[in-house]
């Protein structure tokens, strides 16, 4: 018997499988297939171009032994380059904007790369823009190589040689629609070119965030001013040389909210854990597939893994902060756990035995207008500042009394998983609601805490 193994991790790049969707395609006659680029060793489609650009530079003599690779990246291309660099013995410096997830930055550092962060607000051509910064570092670094994924021909060529043929063979030439995001342009241009050479009737669909330029550019040939969007890795503010728009039949705009919701649903319903740009691709693929019959085969790119975005759109807290969390997922625990920065993050309470003066001092110090009274972790009463002060004005001796002598009924309690609508209902008749988790009171929600929730018509909180 012979041992079976790969010579190095780069041998694992490519040959990713297609997976058919079932639950997310109910009511759709067409076959919708996910191209699982998240199964590459660096967990993204960019692994293909990382090794491709490095090997091209080696052949051309642009990358010498012991050299340093410098690149501007949203993260995944950097990871693909860093994997190849680790195997081949190169150093790496990557420039990312502060929009990129912290997981990608940490991943790159774990692979031995240096990471430089620049502001996402910097405009193209300015010194602080991430591309300008990478170009400057490359000029100042001896024996360096700047791949420039936006213009390097090895980027789309990698997909022309690998991704396109794989999809054609895996579908036995039955593919009718190919859906991918447009960032550097490599994936959609290289794959689209190959597929159209095999069958000119294959439709190539670009999925683009609202705020990016490509929808308008495809439709009118004009480049508009961009507006901010949250999805990473796709969309642009200029047209990179690797965007060969002639291979793209249509560009569909997808909102941040729909992108993130599709990404999350893909994991929950199909078990495919992916990033936000994959959600953008899926949303566009489903939109196209709804109007197709059973003979159609739609393939979309799963760009990368959801592990790169655990602190972003796979975090309910982050989505709540960005006002993108769907109302049905807003729970009592989430509302309680994601209060404003200046609000107390731990539950503040008093006991029945505390002196009223001490309780009022605590409320004044923390700016609280009400506070729960707990005994052995269970709610037994409450204090409301205006009512307590009214009693103290009439009888100042109450300040030395125990809280139990002046407290009122306890605030209502809800389970940590109770929906936001239930919380809102209780706040109609109480200034606060206590949050219970496994028999313990773990948080409090006031009317102020829910003022910014967009839950439709929930009535007055007066």
Protein backbone atom coordinates (compact mmCIF):
# COMPACT_ATOMS: atom_id res chain seq x y z
CA UNK A 1 0.00 0.00 0.00
CA UNK A 2 1.17 3.55 -0.81
CA UNK A 3 0.77 6.51 1.49
CA UNK A 4 -1.49 9.25 0.15
CA UNK A 5 -0.69 12.84 1.01
CA UNK A 6 -0.23 16.26 -0.57
CA UNK A 7 3.20 17.82 -0.92
CA UNK A 8 2.05 21.09 0.69
CA UNK A 9 -1.07 23.06 1.51
CA UNK A 10 -1.10 24.80 -1.87
CA UNK A 11 -2.06 21.48 -3.48
CA UNK A 12 -5.42 21.78 -1.71
CA UNK A 13 -6.41 24.92 -3.61
CA UNK A 14 -9.26 24.51 -6.09
CA UNK A 15 -11.39 21.56 -7.15
CA UNK A 16 -14.05 22.80 -4.73
CA UNK A 17 -17.42 21.02 -4.93
CA UNK A 18 -20.86 22.21 -5.96
CA UNK A 19 -23.66 21.86 -3.41
CA UNK A 20 -27.34 21.97 -4.31
CA UNK A 21 -29.64 24.21 -2.25
CA UNK A 22 -32.98 22.82 -1.10
CA UNK A 23 -34.65 24.78 1.70
CA UNK A 24 -33.75 28.22 0.37
CA UNK A 25 -35.03 27.34 -3.11
CA UNK A 26 -38.54 26.19 -2.19
CA UNK A 27 -40.92 27.33 -4.90
CA UNK A 28 -38.07 27.69 -7.40
CA UNK A 29 -37.93 25.27 -10.34
CA UNK A 30 -34.35 25.95 -11.38
CA UNK A 31 -31.39 24.10 -9.86
CA UNK A 32 -29.31 26.45 -7.70
CA UNK A 33 -25.77 25.29 -6.88
CA UNK A 34 -23.23 26.77 -4.47
CA UNK A 35 -19.58 26.72 -5.60
CA UNK A 36 -17.91 26.05 -2.25
CA UNK A 37 -14.85 28.31 -2.39
CA UNK A 38 -14.97 28.50 1.41
CA UNK A 39 -13.43 25.00 1.38
CA UNK A 40 -10.10 26.20 0.03
CA UNK A 41 -7.24 25.95 2.58
CA UNK A 42 -7.41 29.70 3.30
CA UNK A 43 -11.21 29.45 3.31
CA UNK A 44 -11.84 31.77 0.35
CA UNK A 45 -11.90 32.03 -3.43
CA UNK A 46 -8.84 34.32 -3.22
CA UNK A 47 -6.54 31.36 -2.53
CA UNK A 48 -6.61 30.72 -6.27
CA UNK A 49 -5.20 34.12 -7.21
CA UNK A 50 -2.69 34.34 -4.35
CA UNK A 51 -0.55 31.46 -5.56
CA UNK A 52 -1.23 32.37 -9.21
CA UNK A 53 0.16 35.91 -8.85
CA UNK A 54 3.19 34.73 -6.86
CA UNK A 55 4.10 32.02 -9.35
CA UNK A 56 3.71 34.47 -12.24
CA UNK A 57 6.07 36.89 -10.46
CA UNK A 58 8.58 34.07 -9.89
CA UNK A 59 8.53 33.15 -13.59
CA UNK A 60 9.00 36.79 -14.59
CA UNK A 61 11.80 37.38 -12.10
CA UNK A 62 9.82 40.03 -10.20
CA UNK A 63 9.94 38.10 -6.92
CA UNK A 64 13.33 37.02 -5.67
CA UNK A 65 14.19 34.60 -2.81
CA UNK A 66 13.72 36.25 0.58
CA UNK A 67 11.55 38.95 -0.97
CA UNK A 68 8.61 40.78 0.61
CA UNK A 69 5.09 40.74 -0.82
CA UNK A 70 3.17 43.99 -0.26
CA UNK A 71 -0.51 44.16 -1.16
CA UNK A 72 -3.67 46.19 -0.53
CA UNK A 73 -6.46 43.81 0.48
CA UNK A 74 -9.78 43.50 2.23
CA UNK A 75 -8.28 40.39 3.81
CA UNK A 76 -8.92 37.30 1.74
CA UNK A 77 -6.39 37.99 -1.03
CA UNK A 78 -3.89 38.69 1.70
CA UNK A 79 -4.63 35.32 3.26
CA UNK A 80 -4.21 33.58 -0.10
CA UNK A 81 -0.89 35.35 -0.63
CA UNK A 82 0.24 34.64 2.94
CA UNK A 83 -0.42 30.91 2.58
CA UNK A 84 1.69 30.73 -0.55
CA UNK A 85 4.35 32.96 0.99
CA UNK A 86 4.60 30.70 4.06
CA UNK A 87 5.22 27.68 1.85
CA UNK A 88 7.64 29.48 -0.46
CA UNK A 89 9.54 31.47 2.16
CA UNK A 90 8.52 35.09 1.50
CA UNK A 91 7.65 37.86 3.94
CA UNK A 92 4.37 39.76 3.67
CA UNK A 93 3.02 43.22 4.46
CA UNK A 94 -0.69 43.83 3.92
CA UNK A 95 -2.62 47.10 4.01
CA UNK A 96 -6.29 46.92 5.00
CA UNK A 97 -8.94 49.50 5.83
CA UNK A 98 -10.57 49.70 9.23
CA UNK A 99 -13.74 48.35 7.56
CA UNK A 100 -12.19 44.87 7.32
CA UNK A 101 -13.08 42.42 10.08
CA UNK A 102 -10.67 41.95 12.98
CA UNK A 103 -10.74 38.20 12.31
CA UNK A 104 -9.02 38.69 8.94
CA UNK A 105 -6.36 40.94 10.44
CA UNK A 106 -5.62 38.40 13.18
CA UNK A 107 -5.57 35.56 10.65
CA UNK A 108 -2.96 37.38 8.57
CA UNK A 109 -0.82 38.04 11.63
CA UNK A 110 -1.11 34.38 12.63
CA UNK A 111 0.31 33.48 9.22
CA UNK A 112 3.32 35.69 9.97
CA UNK A 113 2.31 38.78 7.99
CA UNK A 114 2.57 42.42 9.07
CA UNK A 115 -0.73 44.31 8.82
CA UNK A 116 -1.18 48.06 8.34
CA UNK A 117 -4.66 49.56 8.90
CA UNK A 118 -5.82 52.72 7.09
CA UNK A 119 -9.12 54.67 7.32
CA UNK A 120 -11.87 53.46 4.99
CA UNK A 121 -12.89 57.11 4.54
CA UNK A 122 -9.67 57.90 2.60
CA UNK A 123 -10.44 58.62 -1.06
CA UNK A 124 -8.65 56.91 -3.98
CA UNK A 125 -5.44 58.68 -4.89
CA UNK A 126 -4.94 60.25 -1.47
CA UNK A 127 -1.89 59.29 0.62
CA UNK A 128 -3.96 57.53 3.30
CA UNK A 129 -5.96 55.37 0.86
CA UNK A 130 -5.10 51.73 1.40
CA UNK A 131 -3.90 51.21 -2.18
CA UNK A 132 -1.71 54.34 -2.07
CA UNK A 133 -0.30 53.21 1.27
CA UNK A 134 0.56 49.75 -0.07
CA UNK A 135 2.22 51.23 -3.15
CA UNK A 136 4.34 53.55 -0.99
CA UNK A 137 5.42 50.71 1.32
CA UNK A 138 6.34 48.59 -1.71
CA UNK A 139 8.49 51.42 -3.11
CA UNK A 140 10.25 51.88 0.23
CA UNK A 141 10.84 48.16 0.91
CA UNK A 142 13.92 46.57 -0.70
CA UNK A 143 13.36 43.39 -2.72
CA UNK A 144 9.59 43.79 -2.59
CA UNK A 145 6.82 42.72 -4.95
CA UNK A 146 3.49 44.53 -5.26
CA UNK A 147 1.04 42.10 -6.94
CA UNK A 148 -1.80 44.63 -7.44
CA UNK A 149 -4.68 42.18 -7.63
CA UNK A 150 -6.77 44.86 -9.34
CA UNK A 151 -4.67 44.83 -12.51
CA UNK A 152 -2.51 41.70 -12.40
CA UNK A 153 -3.52 39.45 -15.35
CA UNK A 154 -2.82 36.33 -13.25
CA UNK A 155 -5.94 37.18 -11.22
CA UNK A 156 -8.62 36.56 -13.89
CA UNK A 157 -6.31 34.03 -15.58
CA UNK A 158 -6.41 31.84 -12.45
CA UNK A 159 -10.20 31.62 -12.72
CA UNK A 160 -10.07 31.12 -16.49
CA UNK A 161 -7.75 28.15 -15.96
CA UNK A 162 -9.42 26.63 -12.89
CA UNK A 163 -12.77 27.96 -11.65
CA UNK A 164 -14.45 28.12 -15.05
CA UNK A 165 -13.38 24.64 -16.21
CA UNK A 166 -14.33 23.15 -12.84
CA UNK A 167 -17.86 24.56 -13.02
CA UNK A 168 -18.27 23.50 -16.65
CA UNK A 169 -17.17 19.94 -15.91
CA UNK A 170 -19.13 19.67 -12.64
CA UNK A 171 -22.37 20.72 -14.36
CA UNK A 172 -21.59 18.63 -17.47
CA UNK A 173 -21.93 21.83 -19.48
CA UNK A 174 -25.52 22.38 -18.28
CA UNK A 175 -24.86 25.64 -16.45
CA UNK A 176 -27.12 28.45 -17.70
CA UNK A 177 -26.35 31.25 -15.21
CA UNK A 178 -23.20 32.15 -13.26
CA UNK A 179 -23.43 34.61 -10.34
CA UNK A 180 -20.47 36.27 -8.64
CA UNK A 181 -19.64 39.52 -6.91
CA UNK A 182 -17.49 42.17 -8.58
CA UNK A 183 -14.52 43.43 -6.59
CA UNK A 184 -11.17 43.17 -8.32
CA UNK A 185 -13.07 41.59 -11.22
CA UNK A 186 -10.94 38.46 -11.35
CA UNK A 187 -13.53 35.84 -10.42
CA UNK A 188 -16.36 37.06 -12.63
CA UNK A 189 -14.14 38.06 -15.58
CA UNK A 190 -12.00 34.92 -15.72
CA UNK A 191 -14.80 32.45 -15.01
CA UNK A 192 -17.28 34.32 -17.20
CA UNK A 193 -14.88 34.41 -20.13
CA UNK A 194 -14.30 30.64 -19.98
CA UNK A 195 -17.99 29.78 -19.65
CA UNK A 196 -18.98 32.01 -22.54
CA UNK A 197 -16.30 30.45 -24.72
CA UNK A 198 -17.93 27.08 -24.07
CA UNK A 199 -21.49 28.35 -24.51
CA UNK A 200 -22.22 31.95 -25.49
CA UNK A 201 -25.73 31.61 -24.06
CA UNK A 202 -24.48 31.26 -20.45
CA UNK A 203 -25.60 34.37 -18.57
CA UNK A 204 -23.01 35.98 -16.27
CA UNK A 205 -24.61 37.97 -13.45
CA UNK A 206 -22.74 40.42 -11.25
CA UNK A 207 -23.94 40.87 -7.66
CA UNK A 208 -23.10 44.35 -6.38
CA UNK A 209 -23.82 46.21 -3.11
CA UNK A 210 -25.93 49.34 -3.24
CA UNK A 211 -23.42 52.20 -3.06
CA UNK A 212 -20.93 50.54 -5.43
CA UNK A 213 -20.40 51.72 -9.02
CA UNK A 214 -20.84 48.59 -11.10
CA UNK A 215 -24.61 48.54 -11.65
CA UNK A 216 -24.58 52.08 -13.07
CA UNK A 217 -21.32 51.43 -14.92
CA UNK A 218 -22.75 48.36 -16.66
CA UNK A 219 -26.03 50.09 -17.55
CA UNK A 220 -24.69 53.50 -18.62
CA UNK A 221 -20.90 53.33 -18.89
CA UNK A 222 -20.64 56.09 -16.27
CA UNK A 223 -18.77 55.96 -12.96
CA UNK A 224 -20.79 57.54 -10.17
CA UNK A 225 -19.72 58.68 -6.72
CA UNK A 226 -19.98 55.84 -4.24
CA UNK A 227 -21.87 55.79 -0.95
CA UNK A 228 -20.88 53.70 2.10
CA UNK A 229 -21.88 50.05 2.41
CA UNK A 230 -20.96 47.35 4.91
CA UNK A 231 -20.41 44.21 2.83
CA UNK A 232 -16.69 43.44 2.51
CA UNK A 233 -14.64 42.31 -0.47
CA UNK A 234 -16.95 43.32 -3.32
CA UNK A 235 -18.00 46.59 -4.90
CA UNK A 236 -15.68 49.44 -5.87
CA UNK A 237 -15.39 53.20 -6.17
CA UNK A 238 -13.32 52.96 -9.38
CA UNK A 239 -13.28 50.40 -12.21
CA UNK A 240 -10.22 48.11 -11.83
CA UNK A 241 -8.46 46.94 -15.02
CA UNK A 242 -9.40 43.33 -14.18
CA UNK A 243 -13.11 44.10 -14.47
CA UNK A 244 -13.87 42.95 -18.02
CA UNK A 245 -17.46 44.13 -18.08
CA UNK A 246 -17.99 42.72 -21.60
CA UNK A 247 -18.31 39.26 -20.05
CA UNK A 248 -21.03 40.42 -17.63
CA UNK A 249 -24.62 40.34 -18.91
CA UNK A 250 -26.33 42.00 -15.96
CA UNK A 251 -25.50 43.56 -12.60
CA UNK A 252 -27.98 43.30 -9.72
CA UNK A 253 -27.85 45.59 -6.68
CA UNK A 254 -28.33 43.96 -3.27
CA UNK A 255 -28.71 45.79 0.04
CA UNK A 256 -26.48 45.20 3.05
CA UNK A 257 -29.48 43.94 4.99
CA UNK A 258 -30.43 41.35 2.38
CA UNK A 259 -26.80 40.27 1.95
CA UNK A 260 -26.33 39.61 5.65
CA UNK A 261 -29.73 37.96 6.05
CA UNK A 262 -29.06 35.60 3.13
CA UNK A 263 -25.62 34.76 4.52
CA UNK A 264 -27.07 33.92 7.94
CA UNK A 265 -29.94 31.90 6.47
CA UNK A 266 -27.57 29.90 4.30
CA UNK A 267 -25.84 28.65 7.43
CA UNK A 268 -29.03 28.00 9.38
CA UNK A 269 -30.96 26.24 6.64
CA UNK A 270 -28.32 24.63 4.39
CA UNK A 271 -25.35 24.34 6.78
CA UNK A 272 -23.14 26.53 4.58
CA UNK A 273 -21.33 28.99 6.87
CA UNK A 274 -20.26 31.96 4.78
CA UNK A 275 -19.44 35.65 4.60
CA UNK A 276 -21.61 38.60 3.63
CA UNK A 277 -20.52 38.76 -0.02
CA UNK A 278 -21.70 35.16 -0.42
CA UNK A 279 -25.08 36.39 0.82
CA UNK A 280 -24.98 39.08 -1.86
CA UNK A 281 -24.32 36.43 -4.51
CA UNK A 282 -27.05 34.17 -3.16
CA UNK A 283 -29.61 36.97 -3.11
CA UNK A 284 -28.88 37.75 -6.76
CA UNK A 285 -28.94 34.06 -7.70
CA UNK A 286 -32.35 33.53 -6.09
CA UNK A 287 -33.72 36.65 -7.73
CA UNK A 288 -32.65 35.32 -11.14
CA UNK A 289 -33.74 31.73 -10.45
CA UNK A 290 -37.33 32.63 -9.53
CA UNK A 291 -38.14 33.35 -13.18
CA UNK A 292 -36.43 30.25 -14.62
CA UNK A 293 -37.77 26.79 -15.40
CA UNK A 294 -36.50 23.37 -14.35
CA UNK A 295 -33.93 23.23 -17.18
CA UNK A 296 -31.95 26.16 -15.74
CA UNK A 297 -28.80 25.60 -13.66
CA UNK A 298 -27.65 28.59 -11.60
CA UNK A 299 -24.19 28.50 -9.98
CA UNK A 300 -23.15 31.15 -7.45
CA UNK A 301 -19.85 31.64 -5.62
CA UNK A 302 -19.58 31.04 -1.87
CA UNK A 303 -16.70 33.47 -1.50
CA UNK A 304 -15.40 32.71 1.98
CA UNK A 305 -16.14 31.35 5.44
CA UNK A 306 -18.33 32.96 8.06
CA UNK A 307 -15.51 32.55 10.58
CA UNK A 308 -14.00 35.73 9.12
CA UNK A 309 -17.08 37.70 10.30
CA UNK A 310 -17.95 36.39 13.76
CA UNK A 311 -17.69 39.91 15.19
CA UNK A 312 -19.60 41.39 12.26
CA UNK A 313 -22.78 40.20 10.55
CA UNK A 314 -22.76 36.85 12.38
CA UNK A 315 -23.06 38.86 15.60
CA UNK A 316 -26.55 39.95 16.64
CA UNK A 317 -24.94 42.72 18.67
CA UNK A 318 -23.14 44.14 15.61
CA UNK A 319 -26.28 43.96 13.47
CA UNK A 320 -28.26 45.72 16.21
CA UNK A 321 -25.62 48.46 16.34
CA UNK A 322 -25.88 48.88 12.55
CA UNK A 323 -29.72 48.78 12.73
CA UNK A 324 -29.79 45.72 10.48
CA UNK A 325 -31.03 43.04 12.86
CA UNK A 326 -34.38 41.72 11.75
CA UNK A 327 -37.03 42.58 14.40
CA UNK A 328 -38.05 38.97 14.95
CA UNK A 329 -34.56 38.18 16.25
CA UNK A 330 -34.44 41.03 18.77
CA UNK A 331 -34.66 39.40 22.20
CA UNK A 332 -34.77 40.66 25.77
CA UNK A 333 -31.26 39.36 26.39
CA UNK A 334 -29.89 41.14 23.33
CA UNK A 335 -31.55 44.46 24.23
CA UNK A 336 -30.26 44.21 27.79
CA UNK A 337 -26.76 43.20 26.73
CA UNK A 338 -26.21 45.90 24.09
CA UNK A 339 -27.05 49.13 25.85
CA UNK A 340 -25.39 52.45 25.17
CA UNK A 341 -21.72 52.74 26.12
CA UNK A 342 -22.44 55.09 29.03
CA UNK A 343 -25.12 52.84 30.49
CA UNK A 344 -24.21 50.43 33.32
CA UNK A 345 -23.19 47.13 31.73
CA UNK A 346 -23.75 45.05 34.89
CA UNK A 347 -27.08 44.73 36.65
CA UNK A 348 -27.35 47.38 39.39
CA UNK A 349 -29.66 46.61 42.32
CA UNK A 350 -30.21 47.14 46.05
CA UNK A 351 -31.38 44.75 48.75
CA UNK A 352 -34.35 45.19 51.11
CA UNK A 353 -31.92 45.67 54.03
CA UNK A 354 -29.99 48.57 52.44
CA UNK A 355 -30.62 52.05 53.81
CA UNK A 356 -32.73 54.23 51.55
CA UNK A 357 -30.07 56.99 51.66
CA UNK A 358 -27.49 54.55 50.28
CA UNK A 359 -29.89 53.42 47.57
CA UNK A 360 -30.60 56.99 46.47
CA UNK A 361 -26.88 57.79 46.46
CA UNK A 362 -26.23 54.82 44.17
CA UNK A 363 -29.03 55.89 41.83
CA UNK A 364 -27.73 59.46 41.74
CA UNK A 365 -24.15 58.36 41.08
CA UNK A 366 -25.17 56.16 38.13
CA UNK A 367 -27.90 58.43 36.79
CA UNK A 368 -30.68 55.87 37.39
CA UNK A 369 -34.32 56.82 37.75
CA UNK A 370 -35.39 53.35 38.91
CA UNK A 371 -33.65 50.38 40.45
CA UNK A 372 -34.74 46.80 41.25
CA UNK A 373 -34.69 45.39 44.75
CA UNK A 374 -33.33 41.83 44.86
CA UNK A 375 -33.01 39.33 47.67
CA UNK A 376 -31.02 36.15 47.08
CA UNK A 377 -31.08 36.97 43.39
CA UNK A 378 -34.87 37.15 43.22
CA UNK A 379 -36.91 40.34 42.59
CA UNK A 380 -38.87 41.49 45.65
CA UNK A 381 -39.52 45.16 44.90
CA UNK A 382 -38.44 48.33 43.12
CA UNK A 383 -37.58 51.96 43.76
CA UNK A 384 -38.62 54.82 41.49
CA UNK A 385 -36.70 58.02 42.11
CA UNK A 386 -39.56 60.50 41.73
CA UNK A 387 -41.89 58.59 44.05
CA UNK A 388 -39.23 57.96 46.69
CA UNK A 389 -38.15 61.60 46.71
CA UNK A 390 -41.76 62.71 47.09
CA UNK A 391 -41.97 60.58 50.26
CA UNK A 392 -38.63 61.85 51.58
CA UNK A 393 -39.71 65.48 51.11
CA UNK A 394 -42.63 64.77 53.43
CA UNK A 395 -40.54 62.75 55.92
CA UNK A 396 -36.73 63.04 55.79
CA UNK A 397 -36.37 60.42 58.50
CA UNK A 398 -37.12 57.83 55.80
CA UNK A 399 -33.54 58.26 54.57
CA UNK A 400 -32.40 56.13 57.50
CA UNK A 401 -35.07 53.52 56.88
CA UNK A 402 -34.54 50.18 55.18
CA UNK A 403 -35.41 50.01 51.50
CA UNK A 404 -38.07 47.42 52.35
CA UNK A 405 -40.12 50.12 54.12
CA UNK A 406 -40.59 52.28 51.03
CA UNK A 407 -40.14 49.95 48.04
CA UNK A 408 -42.96 49.27 45.60
CA UNK A 409 -43.92 46.17 43.66
CA UNK A 410 -41.22 44.51 41.58
CA UNK A 411 -40.82 45.23 37.90
CA UNK A 412 -42.24 42.51 35.61
CA UNK A 413 -39.87 39.74 34.55
CA UNK A 414 -39.31 38.20 31.12
CA UNK A 415 -37.15 35.30 29.95
CA UNK A 416 -33.87 36.17 28.26
CA UNK A 417 -35.21 34.74 24.97
CA UNK A 418 -38.48 36.66 25.05
CA UNK A 419 -39.14 38.67 21.91
CA UNK A 420 -38.87 42.44 21.71
CA UNK A 421 -42.62 42.76 21.21
CA UNK A 422 -43.25 41.12 24.59
CA UNK A 423 -40.78 43.52 26.21
CA UNK A 424 -42.51 46.49 24.57
CA UNK A 425 -45.90 45.27 25.76
CA UNK A 426 -44.73 45.11 29.39
CA UNK A 427 -43.13 48.54 29.14
CA UNK A 428 -46.54 50.00 28.37
CA UNK A 429 -47.40 49.62 32.07
CA UNK A 430 -44.01 49.54 33.76
CA UNK A 431 -40.94 51.82 33.46
CA UNK A 432 -38.62 48.78 33.42
CA UNK A 433 -38.55 45.04 32.79
CA UNK A 434 -36.21 42.53 34.44
CA UNK A 435 -34.50 39.85 32.34
CA UNK A 436 -34.29 36.33 33.77
CA UNK A 437 -31.94 33.57 32.62
CA UNK A 438 -32.13 30.11 34.17
CA UNK A 439 -33.76 31.43 37.34
CA UNK A 440 -31.38 34.41 37.81
CA UNK A 441 -32.07 38.07 37.16
CA UNK A 442 -29.32 39.08 34.75
CA UNK A 443 -30.45 42.40 33.31
CA UNK A 444 -32.90 45.26 33.19
CA UNK A 445 -34.52 47.03 30.24
CA UNK A 446 -35.93 50.53 30.56
CA UNK A 447 -38.09 52.51 28.18
CA UNK A 448 -35.03 54.50 27.16
CA UNK A 449 -33.27 51.29 26.07
CA UNK A 450 -35.90 50.54 23.41
CA UNK A 451 -36.38 54.00 21.96
CA UNK A 452 -34.26 53.20 18.89
CA UNK A 453 -35.79 49.79 18.13
CA UNK A 454 -37.54 49.68 14.76
CA UNK A 455 -40.35 47.26 15.50
CA UNK A 456 -43.27 48.81 13.74
CA UNK A 457 -46.33 50.13 15.54
CA UNK A 458 -45.93 49.04 19.16
CA UNK A 459 -48.02 51.72 20.77
CA UNK A 460 -47.12 54.54 23.10
CA UNK A 461 -44.67 54.16 25.98
CA UNK A 462 -46.23 57.03 27.89
